[in-house]
Structure formats: C-alpha cells, structure tokens
C-alpha atoms as a PDB file:
ATOM      1  CA  MET A   1      -2.395  23.049 -14.035  1.00  0.00           C
ATOM      2  CA  GLY A   2      -4.105  24.859 -11.150  1.00  0.00           C
ATOM      3  CA  LEU A   3      -2.733  24.743  -7.616  1.00  0.00           C
ATOM      4  CA  LEU A   4      -5.468  22.424  -6.342  1.00  0.00           C
ATOM      5  CA  ARG A   5      -4.909  19.989  -9.208  1.00  0.00           C
ATOM      6  CA  LYS A   6      -1.143  20.139  -8.584  1.00  0.00           C
ATOM      7  CA  PHE A   7      -1.741  19.334  -4.933  1.00  0.00           C
ATOM      8  CA  PHE A   8      -3.957  16.331  -5.610  1.00  0.00           C
ATOM      9  CA  ASN A   9      -1.425  15.048  -8.136  1.00  0.00           C
ATOM     10  CA  GLN A  10       1.029  14.749  -5.242  1.00  0.00           C
ATOM     11  CA  THR A  11      -0.805  11.587  -4.232  1.00  0.00           C
ATOM     12  CA  ARG A  12       0.911   9.831  -7.143  1.00  0.00           C
ATOM     13  CA  LYS A  13       4.516  10.711  -6.287  1.00  0.00           C
ATOM     14  CA  PRO A  14       5.004  13.312  -3.547  1.00  0.00           C
ATOM     15  CA  GLU A  15       7.797  15.801  -4.113  1.00  0.00           C
ATOM     16  CA  GLY A  16       8.696  19.332  -3.111  1.00  0.00           C
ATOM     17  CA  PHE A  17       6.749  21.551  -0.750  1.00  0.00           C
ATOM     18  CA  LEU A  18       3.319  20.333  -1.825  1.00  0.00           C
ATOM     19  CA  GLY A  19       4.518  16.764  -1.455  1.00  0.00           C
ATOM     20  CA  LYS A  20       5.536  17.386   2.157  1.00  0.00           C
ATOM     21  CA  ILE A  21       2.061  18.695   2.916  1.00  0.00           C
ATOM     22  CA  MET A  22       0.472  15.734   1.146  1.00  0.00           C
ATOM     23  CA  LEU A  23       2.526  13.194   3.123  1.00  0.00           C
ATOM     24  CA  MET A  24       1.490  14.769   6.416  1.00  0.00           C
ATOM     25  CA  GLY A  25      -2.099  14.532   5.268  1.00  0.00           C
ATOM     26  CA  MET A  26      -1.680  10.906   4.196  1.00  0.00           C
ATOM     27  CA  ASN A  27      -0.438   9.797   7.609  1.00  0.00           C
ATOM     28  CA  SER A  28      -3.364  11.381   9.419  1.00  0.00           C
ATOM     29  CA  GLY A  29      -6.101  11.327   6.787  1.00  0.00           C
ATOM     30  CA  HIS A  30      -5.758   7.642   5.896  1.00  0.00           C
ATOM     31  CA  ALA A  31      -5.211   6.387   9.448  1.00  0.00           C
ATOM     32  CA  SER A  32      -8.796   5.276  10.126  1.00  0.00           C
ATOM     33  CA  MET A  33      -9.026   3.431   6.821  1.00  0.00           C
ATOM     34  CA  ALA A  34      -5.668   1.724   7.307  1.00  0.00           C
ATOM     35  CA  ASP A  35      -6.550   0.691  10.865  1.00  0.00           C
ATOM     36  CA  TRP A  36      -9.844  -0.725   9.633  1.00  0.00           C
ATOM     37  CA  GLY A  37      -8.020  -2.763   7.000  1.00  0.00           C
ATOM     38  CA  MET A  38      -5.498  -4.091   9.510  1.00  0.00           C
ATOM     39  CA  SER A  39      -8.308  -5.033  11.875  1.00  0.00           C
ATOM     40  CA  MET A  40      -9.782  -7.244   9.157  1.00  0.00           C
ATOM     41  CA  LEU A  41      -6.578  -9.288   8.909  1.00  0.00           C
ATOM     42  CA  ASN A  42      -6.841 -12.806  10.281  1.00  0.00           C
ATOM     43  CA  ILE A  43      -3.360 -14.249   9.939  1.00  0.00           C
ATOM     44  CA  ASN A  44      -0.665 -15.730  12.132  1.00  0.00           C
ATOM     45  CA  ALA A  45       1.938 -13.237  13.316  1.00  0.00           C
ATOM     46  CA  PRO A  46       4.256 -12.688  10.324  1.00  0.00           C
ATOM     47  CA  ARG A  47       8.045 -12.695  10.614  1.00  0.00           C
ATOM     48  CA  ASP A  48       8.638 -10.373   7.660  1.00  0.00           C
ATOM     49  CA  VAL A  49       6.292  -7.689   6.315  1.00  0.00           C
ATOM     50  CA  LEU A  50       6.611  -5.605   3.153  1.00  0.00           C
ATOM     51  CA  ASP A  51       4.595  -2.388   2.797  1.00  0.00           C
ATOM     52  CA  ILE A  52       4.598  -1.175  -0.812  1.00  0.00           C
ATOM     53  CA  GLY A  53       3.906   2.508  -1.451  1.00  0.00           C
ATOM     54  CA  CYS A  54       4.585   3.409   2.167  1.00  0.00           C
ATOM     55  CA  GLY A  55       3.989   7.157   1.835  1.00  0.00           C
ATOM     56  CA  GLY A  56       4.803   8.883   5.103  1.00  0.00           C
ATOM     57  CA  GLY A  57       5.494   5.595   6.897  1.00  0.00           C
ATOM     58  CA  ARG A  58       2.606   5.512   9.320  1.00  0.00           C
ATOM     59  CA  ASN A  59       1.282   2.094   8.258  1.00  0.00           C
ATOM     60  CA  ALA A  60       4.709   0.499   8.537  1.00  0.00           C
ATOM     61  CA  GLY A  61       4.827   1.867  12.071  1.00  0.00           C
ATOM     62  CA  GLU A  62       1.463   0.344  12.884  1.00  0.00           C
ATOM     63  CA  PHE A  63       2.601  -3.066  11.619  1.00  0.00           C
ATOM     64  CA  LEU A  64       5.623  -2.802  13.903  1.00  0.00           C
ATOM     65  CA  LYS A  65       3.273  -2.245  16.846  1.00  0.00           C
ATOM     66  CA  ARG A  66       0.812  -4.912  15.763  1.00  0.00           C
ATOM     67  CA  TYR A  67       3.484  -7.559  15.225  1.00  0.00           C
ATOM     68  CA  PRO A  68       6.206  -6.889  17.823  1.00  0.00           C
ATOM     69  CA  ASP A  69       8.350  -9.843  16.705  1.00  0.00           C
ATOM     70  CA  ALA A  70       8.259  -8.944  12.998  1.00  0.00           C
ATOM     71  CA  LYS A  71      10.625  -6.994  10.814  1.00  0.00           C
ATOM     72  CA  VAL A  72       8.982  -4.508   8.453  1.00  0.00           C
ATOM     73  CA  THR A  73      10.353  -3.305   5.130  1.00  0.00           C
ATOM     74  CA  ALA A  74       8.684  -0.266   3.572  1.00  0.00           C
ATOM     75  CA  ILE A  75       9.270   0.923   0.023  1.00  0.00           C
ATOM     76  CA  ASP A  76       8.167   3.853  -2.093  1.00  0.00           C
ATOM     77  CA  TYR A  77       9.276   5.215  -5.458  1.00  0.00           C
ATOM     78  CA  SER A  78       9.158   8.778  -4.131  1.00  0.00           C
ATOM     79  CA  PRO A  79      12.476   9.820  -2.533  1.00  0.00           C
ATOM     80  CA  LEU A  80      10.566  12.327  -0.419  1.00  0.00           C
ATOM     81  CA  SER A  81       8.254   9.578   0.877  1.00  0.00           C
ATOM     82  CA  VAL A  82      11.267   7.447   1.761  1.00  0.00           C
ATOM     83  CA  LYS A  83      12.811  10.357   3.672  1.00  0.00           C
ATOM     84  CA  LYS A  84       9.612  11.048   5.619  1.00  0.00           C
ATOM     85  CA  ALA A  85       8.957   7.367   6.323  1.00  0.00           C
ATOM     86  CA  ARG A  86      12.495   7.002   7.682  1.00  0.00           C
ATOM     87  CA  GLU A  87      11.946   9.978   9.959  1.00  0.00           C
ATOM     88  CA  TYR A  88       8.624   8.551  11.161  1.00  0.00           C
ATOM     89  CA  ASN A  89      10.137   5.132  11.945  1.00  0.00           C
ATOM     90  CA  ARG A  90      13.612   6.237  13.012  1.00  0.00           C
ATOM     91  CA  ALA A  91      13.531   4.447  16.377  1.00  0.00           C
ATOM     92  CA  MET A  92      12.559   1.121  14.848  1.00  0.00           C
ATOM     93  CA  ILE A  93      15.139   1.529  12.086  1.00  0.00           C
ATOM     94  CA  GLU A  94      17.830   2.085  14.706  1.00  0.00           C
ATOM     95  CA  ALA A  95      16.530  -0.956  16.588  1.00  0.00           C
ATOM     96  CA  GLY A  96      17.000  -3.075  13.475  1.00  0.00           C
ATOM     97  CA  ARG A  97      13.316  -3.911  13.039  1.00  0.00           C
ATOM     98  CA  CYS A  98      12.513  -1.618  10.108  1.00  0.00           C
ATOM     99  CA  SER A  99      14.044  -0.555   6.824  1.00  0.00           C
ATOM    100  CA  VAL A 100      12.697   2.009   4.366  1.00  0.00           C
ATOM    101  CA  LEU A 101      13.944   1.858   0.775  1.00  0.00           C
ATOM    102  CA  GLU A 102      13.272   3.321  -2.638  1.00  0.00           C
ATOM    103  CA  GLY A 103      11.512   0.735  -4.728  1.00  0.00           C
ATOM    104  CA  ASN A 104       8.997   0.077  -7.461  1.00  0.00           C
ATOM    105  CA  ALA A 105       6.115  -2.391  -7.363  1.00  0.00           C
ATOM    106  CA  ALA A 106       6.874  -3.454 -10.932  1.00  0.00           C
ATOM    107  CA  ALA A 107      10.402  -4.649 -10.071  1.00  0.00           C
ATOM    108  CA  LEU A 108      10.773  -5.573  -6.406  1.00  0.00           C
ATOM    109  CA  GLU A 109      14.426  -5.871  -5.472  1.00  0.00           C
ATOM    110  CA  PHE A 110      13.973  -8.764  -3.072  1.00  0.00           C
ATOM    111  CA  GLY A 111      14.570 -12.462  -3.393  1.00  0.00           C
ATOM    112  CA  ALA A 112      11.791 -14.978  -3.842  1.00  0.00           C
ATOM    113  CA  ASP A 113       9.978 -16.158  -0.729  1.00  0.00           C
ATOM    114  CA  SER A 114      11.119 -13.213   1.413  1.00  0.00           C
ATOM    115  CA  PHE A 115       7.906 -12.102   3.150  1.00  0.00           C
ATOM    116  CA  ASP A 116       4.895 -13.512   4.976  1.00  0.00           C
ATOM    117  CA  LEU A 117       2.713 -10.434   4.442  1.00  0.00           C
ATOM    118  CA  VAL A 118       2.730  -7.815   1.688  1.00  0.00           C
ATOM    119  CA  SER A 119       0.488  -4.756   1.947  1.00  0.00           C
ATOM    120  CA  ALA A 120      -0.588  -2.047  -0.470  1.00  0.00           C
ATOM    121  CA  PHE A 121      -2.563   0.805   1.108  1.00  0.00           C
ATOM    122  CA  GLU A 122      -3.976   3.456  -1.224  1.00  0.00           C
ATOM    123  CA  THR A 123      -1.348   2.787  -3.888  1.00  0.00           C
ATOM    124  CA  VAL A 124      -2.446   0.303  -6.561  1.00  0.00           C
ATOM    125  CA  TYR A 125      -4.239   3.175  -8.298  1.00  0.00           C
ATOM    126  CA  PHE A 126      -0.815   4.144  -9.673  1.00  0.00           C
ATOM    127  CA  TRP A 127       0.818   0.770 -10.311  1.00  0.00           C
ATOM    128  CA  PRO A 128       1.891   0.206 -13.952  1.00  0.00           C
ATOM    129  CA  GLY A 129      -0.237  -2.840 -14.748  1.00  0.00           C
ATOM    130  CA  LEU A 130      -1.799  -4.873 -11.958  1.00  0.00           C
ATOM    131  CA  PRO A 131      -1.120  -8.427 -13.218  1.00  0.00           C
ATOM    132  CA  GLU A 132       2.580  -7.720 -13.757  1.00  0.00           C
ATOM    133  CA  CYS A 133       2.991  -6.026 -10.383  1.00  0.00           C
ATOM    134  CA  PHE A 134       0.930  -8.678  -8.609  1.00  0.00           C
ATOM    135  CA  ARG A 135       3.190 -11.382 -10.043  1.00  0.00           C
ATOM    136  CA  GLU A 136       6.125  -9.573  -8.471  1.00  0.00           C
ATOM    137  CA  VAL A 137       4.275  -9.508  -5.148  1.00  0.00           C
ATOM    138  CA  ARG A 138       3.559 -13.225  -5.423  1.00  0.00           C
ATOM    139  CA  ARG A 139       7.205 -13.943  -6.203  1.00  0.00           C
ATOM    140  CA  VAL A 140       8.482 -12.307  -3.005  1.00  0.00           C
ATOM    141  CA  LEU A 141       5.795 -13.901  -0.815  1.00  0.00           C
ATOM    142  CA  ARG A 142       6.421 -17.181   0.946  1.00  0.00           C
ATOM    143  CA  THR A 143       4.035 -20.048   0.285  1.00  0.00           C
ATOM    144  CA  GLY A 144       0.954 -19.437   2.389  1.00  0.00           C
ATOM    145  CA  GLY A 145       1.746 -15.727   2.609  1.00  0.00           C
ATOM    146  CA  THR A 146      -0.925 -13.033   2.408  1.00  0.00           C
ATOM    147  CA  PHE A 147      -1.240 -10.047   0.076  1.00  0.00           C
ATOM    148  CA  ILE A 148      -3.625  -7.260   1.070  1.00  0.00           C
ATOM    149  CA  VAL A 149      -4.834  -4.289  -0.919  1.00  0.00           C
ATOM    150  CA  VAL A 150      -6.719  -1.608   1.009  1.00  0.00           C
ATOM    151  CA  ASN A 151      -8.352   1.209  -0.946  1.00  0.00           C
ATOM    152  CA  GLU A 152     -10.420   4.157   0.166  1.00  0.00           C
ATOM    153  CA  MET A 153     -12.261   4.172  -3.172  1.00  0.00           C
ATOM    154  CA  ASP A 154     -14.030   1.166  -4.640  1.00  0.00           C
ATOM    155  CA  GLY A 155     -14.142   2.139  -8.307  1.00  0.00           C
ATOM    156  CA  LEU A 156     -17.847   2.941  -8.101  1.00  0.00           C
ATOM    157  CA  ASP A 157     -18.175   5.953  -5.819  1.00  0.00           C
ATOM    158  CA  PRO A 158     -18.462   9.395  -7.465  1.00  0.00           C
ATOM    159  CA  ALA A 159     -15.578  10.859  -5.436  1.00  0.00           C
ATOM    160  CA  GLY A 160     -13.208   8.225  -6.791  1.00  0.00           C
ATOM    161  CA  LYS A 161     -14.189   8.986 -10.368  1.00  0.00           C
ATOM    162  CA  LYS A 162     -13.655  12.695  -9.717  1.00  0.00           C
ATOM    163  CA  PHE A 163     -10.106  12.108  -8.470  1.00  0.00           C
ATOM    164  CA  GLU A 164      -9.384   9.729 -11.343  1.00  0.00           C
ATOM    165  CA  ALA A 165     -10.227  12.535 -13.751  1.00  0.00           C
ATOM    166  CA  ILE A 166      -7.841  15.081 -12.200  1.00  0.00           C
ATOM    167  CA  ILE A 167      -4.887  12.930 -11.033  1.00  0.00           C
ATOM    168  CA  GLU A 168      -2.538  11.911 -13.821  1.00  0.00           C
ATOM    169  CA  GLY A 169      -1.961   8.182 -14.194  1.00  0.00           C
ATOM    170  CA  MET A 170      -4.628   7.187 -11.666  1.00  0.00           C
ATOM    171  CA  LYS A 171      -6.943   4.200 -12.183  1.00  0.00           C
ATOM    172  CA  ASP A 172      -9.783   3.741  -9.686  1.00  0.00           C
ATOM    173  CA  TYR A 173     -10.213  -0.044  -9.703  1.00  0.00           C
ATOM    174  CA  THR A 174     -13.284  -1.989  -8.660  1.00  0.00           C
ATOM    175  CA  ALA A 175     -12.967  -4.944  -6.329  1.00  0.00           C
ATOM    176  CA  GLY A 176     -13.741  -7.245  -9.231  1.00  0.00           C
ATOM    177  CA  GLU A 177     -10.901  -5.843 -11.327  1.00  0.00           C
ATOM    178  CA  ILE A 178      -8.406  -6.281  -8.483  1.00  0.00           C
ATOM    179  CA  GLU A 179      -9.644  -9.789  -7.736  1.00  0.00           C
ATOM    180  CA  GLU A 180      -9.339 -10.751 -11.403  1.00  0.00           C
ATOM    181  CA  ALA A 181      -5.757  -9.446 -11.554  1.00  0.00           C
ATOM    182  CA  MET A 182      -4.858 -11.370  -8.399  1.00  0.00           C
ATOM    183  CA  ARG A 183      -6.197 -14.629  -9.790  1.00  0.00           C
ATOM    184  CA  ALA A 184      -4.501 -14.011 -13.132  1.00  0.00           C
ATOM    185  CA  SER A 185      -1.230 -13.598 -11.231  1.00  0.00           C
ATOM    186  CA  GLY A 186      -1.556 -16.995  -9.561  1.00  0.00           C
ATOM    187  CA  PHE A 187      -3.079 -16.083  -6.202  1.00  0.00           C
ATOM    188  CA  SER A 188      -5.764 -18.172  -4.534  1.00  0.00           C
ATOM    189  CA  GLU A 189      -8.356 -17.624  -1.796  1.00  0.00           C
ATOM    190  CA  VAL A 190      -9.086 -14.137  -3.115  1.00  0.00           C
ATOM    191  CA  ARG A 191     -11.788 -12.289  -1.204  1.00  0.00           C
ATOM    192  CA  THR A 192     -13.048  -8.755  -0.643  1.00  0.00           C
ATOM    193  CA  VAL A 193     -14.358  -7.117   2.510  1.00  0.00           C
ATOM    194  CA  HIS A 194     -16.300  -3.869   2.159  1.00  0.00           C
ATOM    195  CA  HIS A 195     -16.767  -1.313   4.915  1.00  0.00           C
ATOM    196  CA  GLU A 196     -20.359  -1.210   6.128  1.00  0.00           C
ATOM    197  CA  THR A 197     -20.921   2.495   5.468  1.00  0.00           C
ATOM    198  CA  LYS A 198     -17.965   3.794   3.443  1.00  0.00           C
ATOM    199  CA  SER A 199     -16.451   3.014   0.052  1.00  0.00           C
ATOM    200  CA  TRP A 200     -13.417   1.420   1.732  1.00  0.00           C
ATOM    201  CA  MET A 201     -12.491  -2.103   0.710  1.00  0.00           C
ATOM    202  CA  MET A 202      -9.838  -4.674   1.512  1.00  0.00           C
ATOM    203  CA  ILE A 203      -8.945  -7.438  -0.920  1.00  0.00           C
ATOM    204  CA  THR A 204      -6.849 -10.327   0.333  1.00  0.00           C
ATOM    205  CA  ALA A 205      -5.132 -13.158  -1.529  1.00  0.00           C
ATOM    206  CA  ILE A 206      -2.979 -16.122  -0.568  1.00  0.00           C
ATOM    207  CA  LYS A 207       0.071 -17.524  -2.344  1.00  0.00           C
END
C-alpha cells in the first residue's frame, strides 16, 4: 500500500503518526461542511447530545457553543481520536459539560432514551451495517429526538467513488440509501437537504 493510500485510509480509524495528521486535517478541513449542517438544524435546544465518530472533537466543541445549556458526549472507536478530542475539549470536560469515550456505533453503551440529538458527521461510510447501527441510534434517542447524518459526499459525485475505491471498508451512500435505512430502523419524518453547489448533504430523522 502506497503512502498516499495509507494516509487516506486513516479516515477510517486514525492511528499513529499519519492518524495524527489526518485528525488535524479533519478538524479544519471538514469545518465548513459541519457548520453548514448544523446551520440546517431546526430543533429546540437539546439537553443531551451524542456525537458518534467524533474524530478530532471539533464538532462536539461546536455543539457545546451552539447549545450552552447542553451536555455533549462524543465517541469514537479510534483511541487516538478519543485522545485528540479530549485535548480539544479539555476545558468543557473539566467543566462537566463534555465527555469523550471510546465507543462503537453498532453497540452504543448508553441506556435507552438518553439523548435529544445524535449526530454523525462524515462517519457512516464506515459503519458496519446502517440498519443495525441506526436501530442503536434510535434506541438511545428520546421520543421526539433528532438524528442527523452529514456527509461531504452524496454517493454520486466522482470524488466520492474515487475515495471508496482506495479506502478499505468505505461505502459512499446515496441520500436514498441512508433514508431507506433510517425508515427501516423505525425513524419517521426523514428528509434530506442538499448543499446548493457542493455534494454535501444532511439527512435528518425523528424518533
């Protein structure tokens, strides 16, 4: 595996030196997309937020700013991501408003009805079966809670297909495929918003 391919494969589970570089790039490179997705949210201020696949922790930090009365839990299955996300959000962790944990979307270690908002930014590409993982998300959401998926690639753009071919275990889903998996998992009010000029998309669903 060439160096460039090794680097891009760090998007799946960052580790080691290349993983550290990737996480720095994630926090800055995905910021505009993540902010766009958050700006599309039209929900009451949540008490408890879960960010799955938190990467370097930047999006968890933005939720803490956006919802100053909320507590935010961020999880990732990469120990390196957890370490970096804790460093990024250290002040809010010390203040008792944030926790960053190792975790897996397929088996969320939280009780039922624990969160008002669950987010997944640039991560469902690597989840091991959307319907199964989405059922876990629905389980930990409170009734009326919102699940959002924000992806830079929409399953149709050539760049997404290129990355899918070189990153192990990646699946570049279309909006329709994500919507179908959400409905199959018991969600309602499923809808997609596409960016006007980019391949970005946000899919939301309600429990």
